[in-house]
C-alpha atoms as a PDB file:
ATOM      1  CA  MET A   1      24.409  67.693 -13.275  1.00  0.00           C
ATOM      2  CA  PRO A   2      21.001  69.058 -12.715  1.00  0.00           C
ATOM      3  CA  ASP A   3      19.841  68.828  -8.956  1.00  0.00           C
ATOM      4  CA  LEU A   4      16.766  70.229  -6.782  1.00  0.00           C
ATOM      5  CA  SER A   5      18.489  73.737  -5.702  1.00  0.00           C
ATOM      6  CA  LEU A   6      16.290  75.954  -7.502  1.00  0.00           C
ATOM      7  CA  GLU A   7      13.197  74.130  -6.377  1.00  0.00           C
ATOM      8  CA  SER A   8      14.205  74.194  -3.111  1.00  0.00           C
ATOM      9  CA  GLU A   9      14.712  78.566  -3.403  1.00  0.00           C
ATOM     10  CA  PHE A  10      10.877  77.704  -4.469  1.00  0.00           C
ATOM     11  CA  HIS A  11      10.015  75.812  -1.526  1.00  0.00           C
ATOM     12  CA  ALA A  12      11.801  77.607   1.303  1.00  0.00           C
ATOM     13  CA  ARG A  13       9.070  80.432  -0.004  1.00  0.00           C
ATOM     14  CA  GLY A  14       6.392  78.181   0.411  1.00  0.00           C
ATOM     15  CA  HIS A  15       5.482  77.240  -3.392  1.00  0.00           C
ATOM     16  CA  ARG A  16       5.202  73.500  -2.519  1.00  0.00           C
ATOM     17  CA  LEU A  17       4.620  72.443  -6.195  1.00  0.00           C
ATOM     18  CA  VAL A  18       7.175  73.732  -8.459  1.00  0.00           C
ATOM     19  CA  ALA A  19       7.022  72.775 -12.112  1.00  0.00           C
ATOM     20  CA  GLY A  20       9.705  72.541 -14.764  1.00  0.00           C
ATOM     21  CA  ALA A  21       9.237  73.232 -18.323  1.00  0.00           C
ATOM     22  CA  ASP A  22      10.922  72.482 -21.605  1.00  0.00           C
ATOM     23  CA  GLU A  23      10.492  72.846 -25.089  1.00  0.00           C
ATOM     24  CA  ALA A  24      12.035  70.680 -28.064  1.00  0.00           C
ATOM     25  CA  GLY A  25      12.328  71.175 -31.744  1.00  0.00           C
ATOM     26  CA  ARG A  26      12.738  74.791 -32.254  1.00  0.00           C
ATOM     27  CA  GLY A  27      14.746  74.814 -35.291  1.00  0.00           C
ATOM     28  CA  PRO A  28      13.946  71.718 -37.418  1.00  0.00           C
ATOM     29  CA  LEU A  29      12.236  72.332 -41.004  1.00  0.00           C
ATOM     30  CA  ALA A  30       9.226  70.142 -40.357  1.00  0.00           C
ATOM     31  CA  GLY A  31       7.188  68.627 -37.549  1.00  0.00           C
ATOM     32  CA  PRO A  32       5.379  70.726 -34.427  1.00  0.00           C
ATOM     33  CA  VAL A  33       7.334  72.416 -31.314  1.00  0.00           C
ATOM     34  CA  THR A  34       6.906  70.015 -28.678  1.00  0.00           C
ATOM     35  CA  ALA A  35       6.863  70.990 -24.924  1.00  0.00           C
ATOM     36  CA  ALA A  36       6.634  69.430 -21.378  1.00  0.00           C
ATOM     37  CA  ALA A  37       5.879  70.567 -17.934  1.00  0.00           C
ATOM     38  CA  VAL A  38       6.881  68.574 -15.014  1.00  0.00           C
ATOM     39  CA  ILE A  39       5.937  68.115 -10.803  1.00  0.00           C
ATOM     40  CA  LEU A  40       8.448  66.187  -9.280  1.00  0.00           C
ATOM     41  CA  PRO A  41       7.161  65.270  -5.699  1.00  0.00           C
ATOM     42  CA  PRO A  42       8.080  68.079  -3.219  1.00  0.00           C
ATOM     43  CA  ASP A  43       8.990  65.778  -0.519  1.00  0.00           C
ATOM     44  CA  LEU A  44      11.532  64.279  -3.384  1.00  0.00           C
ATOM     45  CA  GLU A  45      14.792  63.192  -1.290  1.00  0.00           C
ATOM     46  CA  PRO A  46      17.836  64.500  -3.656  1.00  0.00           C
ATOM     47  CA  THR A  47      19.341  60.820  -3.156  1.00  0.00           C
ATOM     48  CA  ALA A  48      16.430  59.346  -4.381  1.00  0.00           C
ATOM     49  CA  ASP A  49      17.970  56.566  -6.837  1.00  0.00           C
ATOM     50  CA  TRP A  50      15.665  57.456  -9.986  1.00  0.00           C
ATOM     51  CA  LEU A  51      16.983  60.338 -10.221  1.00  0.00           C
ATOM     52  CA  ASP A  52      20.585  59.515 -11.452  1.00  0.00           C
ATOM     53  CA  ALA A  53      18.369  58.551 -14.826  1.00  0.00           C
ATOM     54  CA  ILE A  54      17.304  62.374 -15.254  1.00  0.00           C
ATOM     55  CA  ASP A  55      19.859  64.898 -17.084  1.00  0.00           C
ATOM     56  CA  ASP A  56      20.094  67.477 -19.475  1.00  0.00           C
ATOM     57  CA  SER A  57      18.314  65.758 -22.851  1.00  0.00           C
ATOM     58  CA  LYS A  58      21.095  66.721 -24.795  1.00  0.00           C
ATOM     59  CA  ARG A  59      23.440  64.598 -23.128  1.00  0.00           C
ATOM     60  CA  LEU A  60      21.411  61.215 -23.268  1.00  0.00           C
ATOM     61  CA  SER A  61      21.502  58.600 -26.000  1.00  0.00           C
ATOM     62  CA  PRO A  62      18.112  58.190 -27.660  1.00  0.00           C
ATOM     63  CA  GLN A  63      17.993  54.607 -25.556  1.00  0.00           C
ATOM     64  CA  ARG A  64      18.608  56.538 -22.095  1.00  0.00           C
ATOM     65  CA  ARG A  65      16.344  59.448 -22.910  1.00  0.00           C
ATOM     66  CA  GLU A  66      14.208  56.825 -23.173  1.00  0.00           C
ATOM     67  CA  SER A  67      14.200  54.953 -20.543  1.00  0.00           C
ATOM     68  CA  ALA A  68      14.547  58.174 -18.389  1.00  0.00           C
ATOM     69  CA  ALA A  69      11.008  59.166 -20.147  1.00  0.00           C
ATOM     70  CA  HIS A  70       9.508  55.889 -18.497  1.00  0.00           C
ATOM     71  CA  ILE A  71      11.188  56.712 -14.843  1.00  0.00           C
ATOM     72  CA  ILE A  72       9.778  60.427 -14.996  1.00  0.00           C
ATOM     73  CA  ARG A  73       6.476  59.196 -16.197  1.00  0.00           C
ATOM     74  CA  ASP A  74       6.135  56.773 -13.175  1.00  0.00           C
ATOM     75  CA  ASN A  75       7.819  58.811 -10.332  1.00  0.00           C
ATOM     76  CA  ALA A  76       6.794  62.279 -11.438  1.00  0.00           C
ATOM     77  CA  LEU A  77       3.747  63.643  -9.203  1.00  0.00           C
ATOM     78  CA  THR A  78       2.468  65.353 -12.549  1.00  0.00           C
ATOM     79  CA  TRP A  79       3.332  65.663 -15.947  1.00  0.00           C
ATOM     80  CA  ALA A  80       1.934  66.807 -19.490  1.00  0.00           C
ATOM     81  CA  VAL A  81       3.217  67.063 -22.608  1.00  0.00           C
ATOM     82  CA  GLU A  82       1.583  69.252 -25.803  1.00  0.00           C
ATOM     83  CA  GLN A  83       2.539  70.647 -29.155  1.00  0.00           C
ATOM     84  CA  VAL A  84       2.030  73.293 -31.547  1.00  0.00           C
ATOM     85  CA  ASP A  85       2.202  71.981 -35.505  1.00  0.00           C
ATOM     86  CA  SER A  86       4.003  73.322 -38.255  1.00  0.00           C
ATOM     87  CA  ALA A  87       0.966  75.340 -39.500  1.00  0.00           C
ATOM     88  CA  GLU A  88       0.279  77.306 -36.767  1.00  0.00           C
ATOM     89  CA  ILE A  89       3.858  78.001 -36.590  1.00  0.00           C
ATOM     90  CA  ASP A  90       3.840  79.455 -39.709  1.00  0.00           C
ATOM     91  CA  ARG A  91       0.809  81.572 -38.638  1.00  0.00           C
ATOM     92  CA  ILE A  92       2.331  82.951 -35.332  1.00  0.00           C
ATOM     93  CA  GLY A  93       6.257  82.485 -35.646  1.00  0.00           C
ATOM     94  CA  ILE A  94       8.117  80.045 -33.910  1.00  0.00           C
ATOM     95  CA  GLY A  95       8.918  82.202 -30.607  1.00  0.00           C
ATOM     96  CA  PRO A  96       5.031  82.330 -30.042  1.00  0.00           C
ATOM     97  CA  ALA A  97       4.685  78.765 -31.316  1.00  0.00           C
ATOM     98  CA  VAL A  98       6.898  77.691 -28.107  1.00  0.00           C
ATOM     99  CA  LEU A  99       5.210  79.833 -26.001  1.00  0.00           C
ATOM    100  CA  GLN A 100       2.138  78.422 -26.560  1.00  0.00           C
ATOM    101  CA  ALA A 101       3.030  74.528 -26.222  1.00  0.00           C
ATOM    102  CA  MET A 102       4.916  75.429 -23.121  1.00  0.00           C
ATOM    103  CA  PHE A 103       1.626  77.093 -21.333  1.00  0.00           C
ATOM    104  CA  ALA A 104      -0.414  74.691 -22.634  1.00  0.00           C
ATOM    105  CA  ALA A 105       1.589  71.810 -21.178  1.00  0.00           C
ATOM    106  CA  VAL A 106       1.740  74.021 -17.735  1.00  0.00           C
ATOM    107  CA  SER A 107      -1.843  74.186 -17.685  1.00  0.00           C
ATOM    108  CA  ALA A 108      -2.861  70.512 -18.109  1.00  0.00           C
ATOM    109  CA  LEU A 109      -0.636  70.014 -15.180  1.00  0.00           C
ATOM    110  CA  ARG A 110      -2.901  68.117 -12.359  1.00  0.00           C
ATOM    111  CA  PRO A 111      -2.651  69.565  -9.709  1.00  0.00           C
ATOM    112  CA  GLY A 112      -1.724  72.789 -11.101  1.00  0.00           C
ATOM    113  CA  PRO A 113       1.703  74.388 -10.089  1.00  0.00           C
ATOM    114  CA  ASP A 114       2.533  77.364  -7.350  1.00  0.00           C
ATOM    115  CA  ALA A 115       5.560  77.816  -9.347  1.00  0.00           C
ATOM    116  CA  LEU A 116       7.609  77.916 -12.352  1.00  0.00           C
ATOM    117  CA  LEU A 117      10.966  76.982 -13.949  1.00  0.00           C
ATOM    118  CA  PHE A 118      11.502  77.767 -17.525  1.00  0.00           C
ATOM    119  CA  ASP A 119      14.430  77.234 -19.684  1.00  0.00           C
ATOM    120  CA  TRP A 120      15.605  80.263 -21.006  1.00  0.00           C
ATOM    121  CA  ILE A 121      12.683  81.592 -23.053  1.00  0.00           C
ATOM    122  CA  PRO A 122      12.028  85.540 -23.926  1.00  0.00           C
ATOM    123  CA  LEU A 123       8.625  85.822 -21.563  1.00  0.00           C
ATOM    124  CA  LYS A 124       7.429  88.791 -20.623  1.00  0.00           C
ATOM    125  CA  GLN A 125       4.575  88.206 -18.301  1.00  0.00           C
ATOM    126  CA  CYS A 126       3.511  85.207 -15.925  1.00  0.00           C
ATOM    127  CA  PRO A 127       0.694  84.588 -14.056  1.00  0.00           C
ATOM    128  CA  LEU A 128       2.726  82.925 -11.455  1.00  0.00           C
ATOM    129  CA  PRO A 129       6.115  83.591  -9.514  1.00  0.00           C
ATOM    130  CA  HIS A 130       8.592  81.958 -11.948  1.00  0.00           C
ATOM    131  CA  ARG A 131      12.553  81.766 -12.748  1.00  0.00           C
ATOM    132  CA  ILE A 132      13.624  81.580 -16.323  1.00  0.00           C
ATOM    133  CA  VAL A 133      16.855  79.401 -16.212  1.00  0.00           C
ATOM    134  CA  VAL A 134      19.943  79.804 -18.679  1.00  0.00           C
ATOM    135  CA  LYS A 135      20.565  76.339 -19.635  1.00  0.00           C
ATOM    136  CA  GLY A 136      18.070  75.247 -16.976  1.00  0.00           C
ATOM    137  CA  ASP A 137      17.991  71.654 -18.267  1.00  0.00           C
ATOM    138  CA  ALA A 138      21.770  71.034 -17.306  1.00  0.00           C
ATOM    139  CA  LYS A 139      20.860  72.934 -13.635  1.00  0.00           C
ATOM    140  CA  SER A 140      17.308  71.952 -12.606  1.00  0.00           C
ATOM    141  CA  LEU A 141      15.900  67.936 -12.061  1.00  0.00           C
ATOM    142  CA  SER A 142      12.440  69.523 -12.936  1.00  0.00           C
ATOM    143  CA  ILE A 143      13.268  71.007 -16.026  1.00  0.00           C
ATOM    144  CA  ALA A 144      15.807  68.483 -17.408  1.00  0.00           C
ATOM    145  CA  ALA A 145      12.902  66.021 -17.068  1.00  0.00           C
ATOM    146  CA  ALA A 146      10.230  68.111 -18.510  1.00  0.00           C
ATOM    147  CA  SER A 147      13.526  68.351 -21.747  1.00  0.00           C
ATOM    148  CA  ILE A 148      13.070  64.347 -21.465  1.00  0.00           C
ATOM    149  CA  LEU A 149       9.728  64.241 -22.032  1.00  0.00           C
ATOM    150  CA  ALA A 150       9.200  67.015 -24.676  1.00  0.00           C
ATOM    151  CA  LYS A 151      12.573  65.456 -26.762  1.00  0.00           C
ATOM    152  CA  THR A 152      10.754  61.775 -26.831  1.00  0.00           C
ATOM    153  CA  ALA A 153       7.412  62.877 -27.301  1.00  0.00           C
ATOM    154  CA  ARG A 154       8.671  64.809 -30.123  1.00  0.00           C
ATOM    155  CA  ASP A 155      11.141  61.999 -31.360  1.00  0.00           C
ATOM    156  CA  GLU A 156       7.883  59.541 -31.926  1.00  0.00           C
ATOM    157  CA  ILE A 157       6.115  62.037 -33.813  1.00  0.00           C
ATOM    158  CA  MET A 158       8.714  62.817 -36.416  1.00  0.00           C
ATOM    159  CA  ILE A 159       9.144  58.734 -36.276  1.00  0.00           C
ATOM    160  CA  GLN A 160       5.633  58.551 -37.197  1.00  0.00           C
ATOM    161  CA  ALA A 161       5.803  61.192 -39.754  1.00  0.00           C
ATOM    162  CA  ASP A 162       8.801  58.953 -41.741  1.00  0.00           C
ATOM    163  CA  GLN A 163       5.811  56.125 -42.238  1.00  0.00           C
ATOM    164  CA  ARG A 164       3.556  58.712 -43.607  1.00  0.00           C
ATOM    165  CA  HIS A 165       6.487  60.390 -46.058  1.00  0.00           C
ATOM    166  CA  PRO A 166       8.918  58.200 -46.813  1.00  0.00           C
ATOM    167  CA  GLY A 167      12.123  59.294 -48.536  1.00  0.00           C
ATOM    168  CA  TYR A 168      12.549  62.497 -46.124  1.00  0.00           C
ATOM    169  CA  GLY A 169      14.497  60.130 -43.315  1.00  0.00           C
ATOM    170  CA  PHE A 170      12.423  61.940 -40.882  1.00  0.00           C
ATOM    171  CA  ALA A 171      13.010  58.931 -38.477  1.00  0.00           C
ATOM    172  CA  ARG A 172      16.857  59.851 -38.867  1.00  0.00           C
ATOM    173  CA  HIS A 173      17.218  63.519 -38.704  1.00  0.00           C
ATOM    174  CA  LYS A 174      13.421  64.068 -36.760  1.00  0.00           C
ATOM    175  CA  GLY A 175      13.322  66.830 -39.651  1.00  0.00           C
ATOM    176  CA  TYR A 176      16.477  69.263 -38.971  1.00  0.00           C
ATOM    177  CA  ALA A 177      18.196  70.710 -41.963  1.00  0.00           C
ATOM    178  CA  THR A 178      20.449  67.731 -42.472  1.00  0.00           C
ATOM    179  CA  PRO A 179      21.884  67.680 -46.127  1.00  0.00           C
ATOM    180  CA  GLN A 180      19.649  64.633 -46.659  1.00  0.00           C
ATOM    181  CA  HIS A 181      16.984  66.555 -45.790  1.00  0.00           C
ATOM    182  CA  LEU A 182      17.551  69.175 -47.916  1.00  0.00           C
ATOM    183  CA  ARG A 183      18.268  67.185 -50.722  1.00  0.00           C
ATOM    184  CA  SER A 184      14.429  65.475 -50.383  1.00  0.00           C
ATOM    185  CA  LEU A 185      13.247  68.799 -50.155  1.00  0.00           C
ATOM    186  CA  ALA A 186      14.906  70.107 -53.285  1.00  0.00           C
ATOM    187  CA  GLU A 187      14.369  66.284 -54.895  1.00  0.00           C
ATOM    188  CA  MET A 188      10.380  65.826 -53.764  1.00  0.00           C
ATOM    189  CA  GLY A 189       9.641  69.059 -52.369  1.00  0.00           C
ATOM    190  CA  PRO A 190       7.548  69.799 -49.311  1.00  0.00           C
ATOM    191  CA  THR A 191       5.097  67.958 -46.962  1.00  0.00           C
ATOM    192  CA  PRO A 192       2.175  68.872 -45.325  1.00  0.00           C
ATOM    193  CA  ILE A 193       4.426  68.839 -42.207  1.00  0.00           C
ATOM    194  CA  HIS A 194       7.304  71.092 -43.303  1.00  0.00           C
ATOM    195  CA  ARG A 195       7.321  74.759 -41.756  1.00  0.00           C
ATOM    196  CA  ARG A 196       6.769  76.794 -44.743  1.00  0.00           C
ATOM    197  CA  SER A 197       7.933  79.988 -43.112  1.00  0.00           C
ATOM    198  CA  PHE A 198      11.359  78.670 -42.362  1.00  0.00           C
ATOM    199  CA  SER A 199      14.021  80.455 -44.900  1.00  0.00           C
ATOM    200  CA  PRO A 200      15.350  77.409 -46.547  1.00  0.00           C
ATOM    201  CA  LEU A 201      11.372  76.590 -47.586  1.00  0.00           C
ATOM    202  CA  ARG A 202      10.899  80.128 -48.571  1.00  0.00           C
ATOM    203  CA  GLN A 203      14.156  80.286 -50.613  1.00  0.00           C
ATOM    204  CA  ALA A 204      12.799  76.915 -52.260  1.00  0.00           C
ATOM    205  CA  ARG A 205       9.668  78.653 -53.154  1.00  0.00           C
ATOM    206  CA  LEU A 206      11.359  81.663 -54.443  1.00  0.00           C
ATOM    207  CA  LEU A 207      13.357  79.775 -56.432  1.00  0.00           C
ATOM    208  CA  GLN A 208      10.437  77.722 -57.928  1.00  0.00           C
ATOM    209  CA  ASP A 209       8.525  81.067 -58.690  1.00  0.00           C
ATOM    210  CA  ALA A 210      11.370  82.643 -60.507  1.00  0.00           C
ATOM    211  CA  SER A 211      11.973  79.628 -62.742  1.00  0.00           C
ATOM    212  CA  ARG A 212       8.063  79.937 -63.549  1.00  0.00           C
ATOM    213  CA  GLY A 213       8.535  83.603 -64.627  1.00  0.00           C
END
């Protein structure tokens, strides 16, 4: 279970406001990548009851994630969620898009952080003291909280996309490359929210071009 050990290390060095940041949606074929940043209260007791709701978002059911997201928004010192859409992902690539979303979320925090904890990203430069943590959402409560907010925000975006683009199953698979999603793509073609730079869509376009030739 994640705890406050990594946050406490920064606190001990005089960094009072420590933000955790994480993303959701790196791998899907459609929809945005979302990122969240969360600063938990610096005087938070590790035994606070509401912390029991927070875990790596991948280990929570959708219902528990939604409940945890409400608890985090009610109890965090500050939080923010940002997104980068599929067109921008196609333009700059998924890696830079993840970084853009993460730093947008961090920049939106009020008050701003003194230090940062990131779930693993290939970060080369950062203006604040920071630590990149492998599987950080399973180790840091701040990162885990960010993972929950990023995931629930993106899921809601894809549920809304399902209403605008029926037949693709976005509400179920959230844009990932499930067999149903790939069948829908083959039958109906891409929507405006599909990432056309991703391999399955590039291959589909190549096949279409070849058939026209």
